[in-house]
Amino acid sequence: MVGGAPFARADVQPDKKLAYLIGVTTRPGYNFASADEAFEYGYGICAKVARGVGYAQLMAEVQADFNTSDDYQGSYLISQAANELCPELIWQLRNSAAHYRPPAGTGP
């Protein structure tokens, strides 16, 4: 589902990985087939942030991948990945999202 350059995965604390997994598998709408698929997707988000992909582009890709226009659903997954799997990239992601405004007419 996610391509591109590999992301150098830092040793993430097991409780952070568990928090990510619980967050993205219990919330409706993502429907990952397995824990491995959920982690692959999350680390893919991290890799994109590390490469400098902007928040608006990340949001568009997540929404396309999950066939939704719900900004909250997209931002939740992006935030979970950054907070739990690659916290060293949080400021880079926040700076990218600083002036993000959802497109008119989107949302739940």
N, C-alpha and C. Protein backbone atom coordinates (compact mmCIF):
# COMPACT_ATOMS: atom_id res chain seq x y z
N MET A 1 0.81 -1.19 0.00
CA MET A 1 0.00 0.00 0.00
C MET A 1 0.86 1.26 0.00
N VAL A 2 2.02 1.20 0.63
CA VAL A 2 2.87 2.38 0.74
C VAL A 2 4.21 2.06 0.09
N GLY A 3 4.66 2.94 -0.80
CA GLY A 3 5.94 2.71 -1.46
C GLY A 3 6.91 3.80 -1.12
N GLY A 4 8.08 3.72 -1.71
CA GLY A 4 9.07 4.76 -1.53
C GLY A 4 10.26 4.28 -0.75
N ALA A 5 11.12 5.22 -0.41
CA ALA A 5 12.35 4.91 0.30
C ALA A 5 12.03 4.37 1.68
N PRO A 6 12.82 3.40 2.14
CA PRO A 6 12.57 2.85 3.47
C PRO A 6 12.82 3.89 4.55
N PHE A 7 12.07 3.78 5.62
CA PHE A 7 12.20 4.67 6.76
C PHE A 7 13.04 3.94 7.80
N ALA A 8 14.06 4.60 8.31
CA ALA A 8 14.91 4.00 9.34
C ALA A 8 14.11 3.95 10.64
N ARG A 9 13.59 2.80 10.95
CA ARG A 9 12.74 2.64 12.13
C ARG A 9 13.58 2.62 13.39
N ALA A 10 13.37 3.62 14.21
CA ALA A 10 14.05 3.65 15.50
C ALA A 10 13.42 2.60 16.40
N ASP A 11 14.13 2.22 17.42
CA ASP A 11 13.55 1.29 18.38
C ASP A 11 12.42 1.98 19.10
N VAL A 12 11.20 1.60 18.77
CA VAL A 12 10.02 2.18 19.39
C VAL A 12 9.66 1.32 20.59
N GLN A 13 9.35 1.96 21.68
CA GLN A 13 8.98 1.23 22.88
C GLN A 13 7.75 0.37 22.59
N PRO A 14 7.73 -0.85 23.13
CA PRO A 14 6.60 -1.75 22.87
C PRO A 14 5.25 -1.15 23.24
N ASP A 15 5.20 -0.34 24.31
CA ASP A 15 3.91 0.25 24.69
C ASP A 15 3.44 1.28 23.67
N LYS A 16 4.38 1.95 22.98
CA LYS A 16 4.02 2.90 21.93
C LYS A 16 3.46 2.15 20.72
N LYS A 17 4.10 1.05 20.37
CA LYS A 17 3.62 0.25 19.25
C LYS A 17 2.23 -0.31 19.55
N LEU A 18 2.04 -0.76 20.78
CA LEU A 18 0.74 -1.29 21.18
C LEU A 18 -0.31 -0.19 21.14
N ALA A 19 0.03 1.00 21.61
CA ALA A 19 -0.91 2.12 21.58
C ALA A 19 -1.32 2.44 20.14
N TYR A 20 -0.36 2.44 19.21
CA TYR A 20 -0.68 2.68 17.80
C TYR A 20 -1.63 1.59 17.30
N LEU A 21 -1.27 0.35 17.55
CA LEU A 21 -2.06 -0.76 17.04
C LEU A 21 -3.48 -0.72 17.58
N ILE A 22 -3.63 -0.47 18.86
CA ILE A 22 -4.97 -0.39 19.45
C ILE A 22 -5.75 0.78 18.84
N GLY A 23 -5.08 1.92 18.72
CA GLY A 23 -5.74 3.10 18.19
C GLY A 23 -6.25 2.94 16.77
N VAL A 24 -5.49 2.28 15.93
CA VAL A 24 -5.89 2.20 14.52
C VAL A 24 -6.69 0.94 14.19
N THR A 25 -6.74 -0.02 15.10
CA THR A 25 -7.54 -1.21 14.82
C THR A 25 -8.89 -1.19 15.53
N THR A 26 -9.03 -0.38 16.56
CA THR A 26 -10.32 -0.32 17.24
C THR A 26 -11.20 0.80 16.70
N ARG A 27 -10.61 1.78 16.07
CA ARG A 27 -11.40 2.87 15.49
C ARG A 27 -11.94 2.39 14.14
N PRO A 28 -13.24 2.55 13.91
CA PRO A 28 -13.82 2.09 12.65
C PRO A 28 -13.26 2.84 11.45
N GLY A 29 -13.23 2.17 10.32
CA GLY A 29 -12.89 2.82 9.07
C GLY A 29 -11.58 2.43 8.44
N TYR A 30 -10.64 1.88 9.22
CA TYR A 30 -9.35 1.53 8.62
C TYR A 30 -9.33 0.10 8.12
N ASN A 31 -9.87 -0.81 8.89
CA ASN A 31 -10.02 -2.21 8.48
C ASN A 31 -8.73 -2.85 7.97
N PHE A 32 -7.66 -2.69 8.73
CA PHE A 32 -6.42 -3.36 8.38
C PHE A 32 -6.61 -4.87 8.51
N ALA A 33 -6.07 -5.62 7.57
CA ALA A 33 -6.23 -7.07 7.57
C ALA A 33 -5.43 -7.75 8.68
N SER A 34 -4.37 -7.09 9.13
CA SER A 34 -3.52 -7.68 10.16
C SER A 34 -2.75 -6.57 10.88
N ALA A 35 -2.14 -6.95 11.98
CA ALA A 35 -1.28 -6.00 12.70
C ALA A 35 -0.10 -5.59 11.83
N ASP A 36 0.45 -6.54 11.09
CA ASP A 36 1.57 -6.22 10.20
C ASP A 36 1.18 -5.17 9.17
N GLU A 37 -0.01 -5.30 8.60
CA GLU A 37 -0.46 -4.33 7.61
C GLU A 37 -0.63 -2.95 8.26
N ALA A 38 -1.16 -2.91 9.47
CA ALA A 38 -1.34 -1.63 10.18
C ALA A 38 0.02 -0.98 10.44
N PHE A 39 0.99 -1.78 10.88
CA PHE A 39 2.33 -1.23 11.13
C PHE A 39 2.99 -0.78 9.83
N GLU A 40 2.85 -1.56 8.78
CA GLU A 40 3.44 -1.19 7.49
C GLU A 40 2.87 0.15 7.03
N TYR A 41 1.59 0.34 7.19
CA TYR A 41 0.97 1.59 6.78
C TYR A 41 1.48 2.75 7.64
N GLY A 42 1.52 2.55 8.94
CA GLY A 42 2.00 3.59 9.85
C GLY A 42 3.44 3.97 9.59
N TYR A 43 4.30 2.97 9.41
CA TYR A 43 5.70 3.26 9.11
C TYR A 43 5.85 3.91 7.73
N GLY A 44 4.93 3.60 6.84
CA GLY A 44 4.92 4.27 5.54
C GLY A 44 4.64 5.76 5.68
N ILE A 45 3.73 6.09 6.57
CA ILE A 45 3.46 7.51 6.87
C ILE A 45 4.72 8.16 7.42
N CYS A 46 5.39 7.48 8.34
CA CYS A 46 6.63 8.01 8.91
C CYS A 46 7.68 8.26 7.82
N ALA A 47 7.80 7.32 6.90
CA ALA A 47 8.78 7.46 5.82
C ALA A 47 8.46 8.68 4.95
N LYS A 48 7.19 8.90 4.69
CA LYS A 48 6.79 10.05 3.89
C LYS A 48 7.11 11.36 4.62
N VAL A 49 6.81 11.41 5.91
CA VAL A 49 7.13 12.60 6.69
C VAL A 49 8.63 12.84 6.66
N ALA A 50 9.41 11.79 6.83
CA ALA A 50 10.87 11.91 6.82
C ALA A 50 11.38 12.42 5.49
N ARG A 51 10.71 12.06 4.39
CA ARG A 51 11.10 12.53 3.06
C ARG A 51 10.61 13.94 2.78
N GLY A 52 9.81 14.51 3.68
CA GLY A 52 9.34 15.88 3.49
C GLY A 52 8.01 16.00 2.78
N VAL A 53 7.28 14.91 2.66
CA VAL A 53 5.94 15.00 2.06
C VAL A 53 5.08 15.87 2.99
N GLY A 54 4.40 16.83 2.41
CA GLY A 54 3.61 17.77 3.19
C GLY A 54 2.33 17.16 3.74
N TYR A 55 1.81 17.79 4.78
CA TYR A 55 0.62 17.31 5.46
C TYR A 55 -0.57 17.21 4.51
N ALA A 56 -0.77 18.21 3.67
CA ALA A 56 -1.90 18.19 2.75
C ALA A 56 -1.82 16.97 1.82
N GLN A 57 -0.62 16.66 1.36
CA GLN A 57 -0.45 15.49 0.50
C GLN A 57 -0.68 14.20 1.28
N LEU A 58 -0.15 14.13 2.50
CA LEU A 58 -0.40 12.96 3.34
C LEU A 58 -1.89 12.75 3.55
N MET A 59 -2.58 13.83 3.87
CA MET A 59 -4.02 13.75 4.12
C MET A 59 -4.74 13.23 2.86
N ALA A 60 -4.40 13.77 1.71
CA ALA A 60 -5.04 13.34 0.46
C ALA A 60 -4.79 11.85 0.21
N GLU A 61 -3.58 11.40 0.46
CA GLU A 61 -3.25 9.99 0.23
C GLU A 61 -3.98 9.07 1.19
N VAL A 62 -4.03 9.44 2.47
CA VAL A 62 -4.73 8.62 3.45
C VAL A 62 -6.22 8.56 3.11
N GLN A 63 -6.79 9.71 2.78
CA GLN A 63 -8.21 9.72 2.43
C GLN A 63 -8.49 8.88 1.18
N ALA A 64 -7.61 8.93 0.21
CA ALA A 64 -7.78 8.10 -0.99
C ALA A 64 -7.65 6.62 -0.65
N ASP A 65 -6.65 6.29 0.17
CA ASP A 65 -6.43 4.89 0.54
C ASP A 65 -7.63 4.29 1.27
N PHE A 66 -8.32 5.11 2.05
CA PHE A 66 -9.44 4.60 2.85
C PHE A 66 -10.80 5.09 2.33
N ASN A 67 -10.78 5.64 1.12
CA ASN A 67 -12.01 6.05 0.45
C ASN A 67 -12.92 6.89 1.36
N THR A 68 -12.35 7.97 1.87
CA THR A 68 -13.11 8.85 2.75
C THR A 68 -12.73 10.30 2.49
N SER A 69 -13.64 11.19 2.82
CA SER A 69 -13.33 12.62 2.77
C SER A 69 -13.32 13.19 4.19
N ASP A 70 -13.38 12.30 5.18
CA ASP A 70 -13.40 12.69 6.59
C ASP A 70 -12.00 13.11 7.03
N ASP A 71 -11.81 14.40 7.24
CA ASP A 71 -10.50 14.90 7.67
C ASP A 71 -10.09 14.32 9.02
N TYR A 72 -11.04 14.12 9.92
CA TYR A 72 -10.69 13.58 11.23
C TYR A 72 -10.12 12.17 11.09
N GLN A 73 -10.73 11.36 10.25
CA GLN A 73 -10.24 9.99 10.07
C GLN A 73 -8.81 10.00 9.53
N GLY A 74 -8.55 10.87 8.57
CA GLY A 74 -7.20 10.97 8.02
C GLY A 74 -6.20 11.50 9.03
N SER A 75 -6.57 12.57 9.71
CA SER A 75 -5.63 13.19 10.66
C SER A 75 -5.37 12.27 11.85
N TYR A 76 -6.37 11.49 12.25
CA TYR A 76 -6.19 10.58 13.37
C TYR A 76 -5.10 9.54 13.05
N LEU A 77 -5.18 8.96 11.86
CA LEU A 77 -4.20 7.94 11.49
C LEU A 77 -2.81 8.53 11.35
N ILE A 78 -2.71 9.70 10.73
CA ILE A 78 -1.42 10.36 10.59
C ILE A 78 -0.84 10.69 11.97
N SER A 79 -1.67 11.22 12.84
CA SER A 79 -1.21 11.58 14.20
C SER A 79 -0.79 10.36 15.00
N GLN A 80 -1.57 9.29 14.91
CA GLN A 80 -1.21 8.07 15.63
C GLN A 80 0.15 7.56 15.17
N ALA A 81 0.38 7.55 13.87
CA ALA A 81 1.66 7.07 13.35
C ALA A 81 2.80 7.94 13.87
N ALA A 82 2.65 9.24 13.76
CA ALA A 82 3.73 10.14 14.19
C ALA A 82 3.96 10.04 15.70
N ASN A 83 2.91 10.09 16.46
CA ASN A 83 3.04 10.10 17.92
C ASN A 83 3.60 8.80 18.47
N GLU A 84 3.19 7.69 17.90
CA GLU A 84 3.55 6.40 18.48
C GLU A 84 4.71 5.69 17.77
N LEU A 85 4.86 5.89 16.46
CA LEU A 85 5.87 5.14 15.72
C LEU A 85 7.11 5.95 15.36
N CYS A 86 6.95 7.26 15.22
CA CYS A 86 8.11 8.09 14.84
C CYS A 86 8.02 9.46 15.52
N PRO A 87 8.03 9.46 16.84
CA PRO A 87 7.87 10.73 17.56
C PRO A 87 8.96 11.75 17.26
N GLU A 88 10.10 11.30 16.76
CA GLU A 88 11.16 12.24 16.40
C GLU A 88 10.77 13.11 15.21
N LEU A 89 9.70 12.75 14.51
CA LEU A 89 9.25 13.51 13.34
C LEU A 89 8.03 14.39 13.63
N ILE A 90 7.59 14.43 14.88
CA ILE A 90 6.37 15.19 15.21
C ILE A 90 6.51 16.66 14.80
N TRP A 91 7.62 17.31 15.12
CA TRP A 91 7.75 18.73 14.79
C TRP A 91 7.78 18.96 13.29
N GLN A 92 8.40 18.07 12.56
CA GLN A 92 8.41 18.18 11.10
C GLN A 92 6.97 18.09 10.57
N LEU A 93 6.21 17.15 11.10
CA LEU A 93 4.81 17.01 10.68
C LEU A 93 4.00 18.23 11.08
N ARG A 94 4.18 18.69 12.30
CA ARG A 94 3.43 19.88 12.76
C ARG A 94 3.74 21.10 11.92
N ASN A 95 5.00 21.29 11.59
CA ASN A 95 5.36 22.44 10.75
C ASN A 95 4.70 22.33 9.38
N SER A 96 4.63 21.13 8.86
CA SER A 96 4.00 20.90 7.57
C SER A 96 2.49 21.16 7.62
N ALA A 97 1.89 20.90 8.78
CA ALA A 97 0.44 21.05 8.94
C ALA A 97 0.02 22.43 9.40
N ALA A 98 0.98 23.30 9.67
CA ALA A 98 0.69 24.59 10.30
C ALA A 98 -0.40 25.39 9.61
N HIS A 99 -0.42 25.41 8.31
CA HIS A 99 -1.40 26.23 7.60
C HIS A 99 -2.40 25.39 6.81
N TYR A 100 -2.51 24.12 7.18
CA TYR A 100 -3.44 23.24 6.48
C TYR A 100 -4.87 23.65 6.76
N ARG A 101 -5.65 23.72 5.72
CA ARG A 101 -7.09 23.95 5.82
C ARG A 101 -7.78 22.89 4.96
N PRO A 102 -8.76 22.21 5.53
CA PRO A 102 -9.44 21.20 4.73
C PRO A 102 -10.13 21.83 3.53
N PRO A 103 -10.18 21.11 2.42
CA PRO A 103 -10.89 21.63 1.26
C PRO A 103 -12.36 21.88 1.60
N ALA A 104 -12.93 22.87 1.00
CA ALA A 104 -14.34 23.20 1.26
C ALA A 104 -15.22 22.01 0.90
N GLY A 105 -16.21 21.78 1.74
CA GLY A 105 -17.18 20.72 1.47
C GLY A 105 -16.72 19.34 1.84
N THR A 106 -15.62 19.22 2.60
CA THR A 106 -15.18 17.89 3.02
C THR A 106 -15.50 17.71 4.48
N GLY A 107 -15.44 16.50 4.91
CA GLY A 107 -15.71 16.19 6.31
C GLY A 107 -16.81 15.17 6.42
N PRO A 108 -17.20 14.89 7.64
CA PRO A 108 -18.22 13.83 7.85
C PRO A 108 -19.57 14.23 7.32
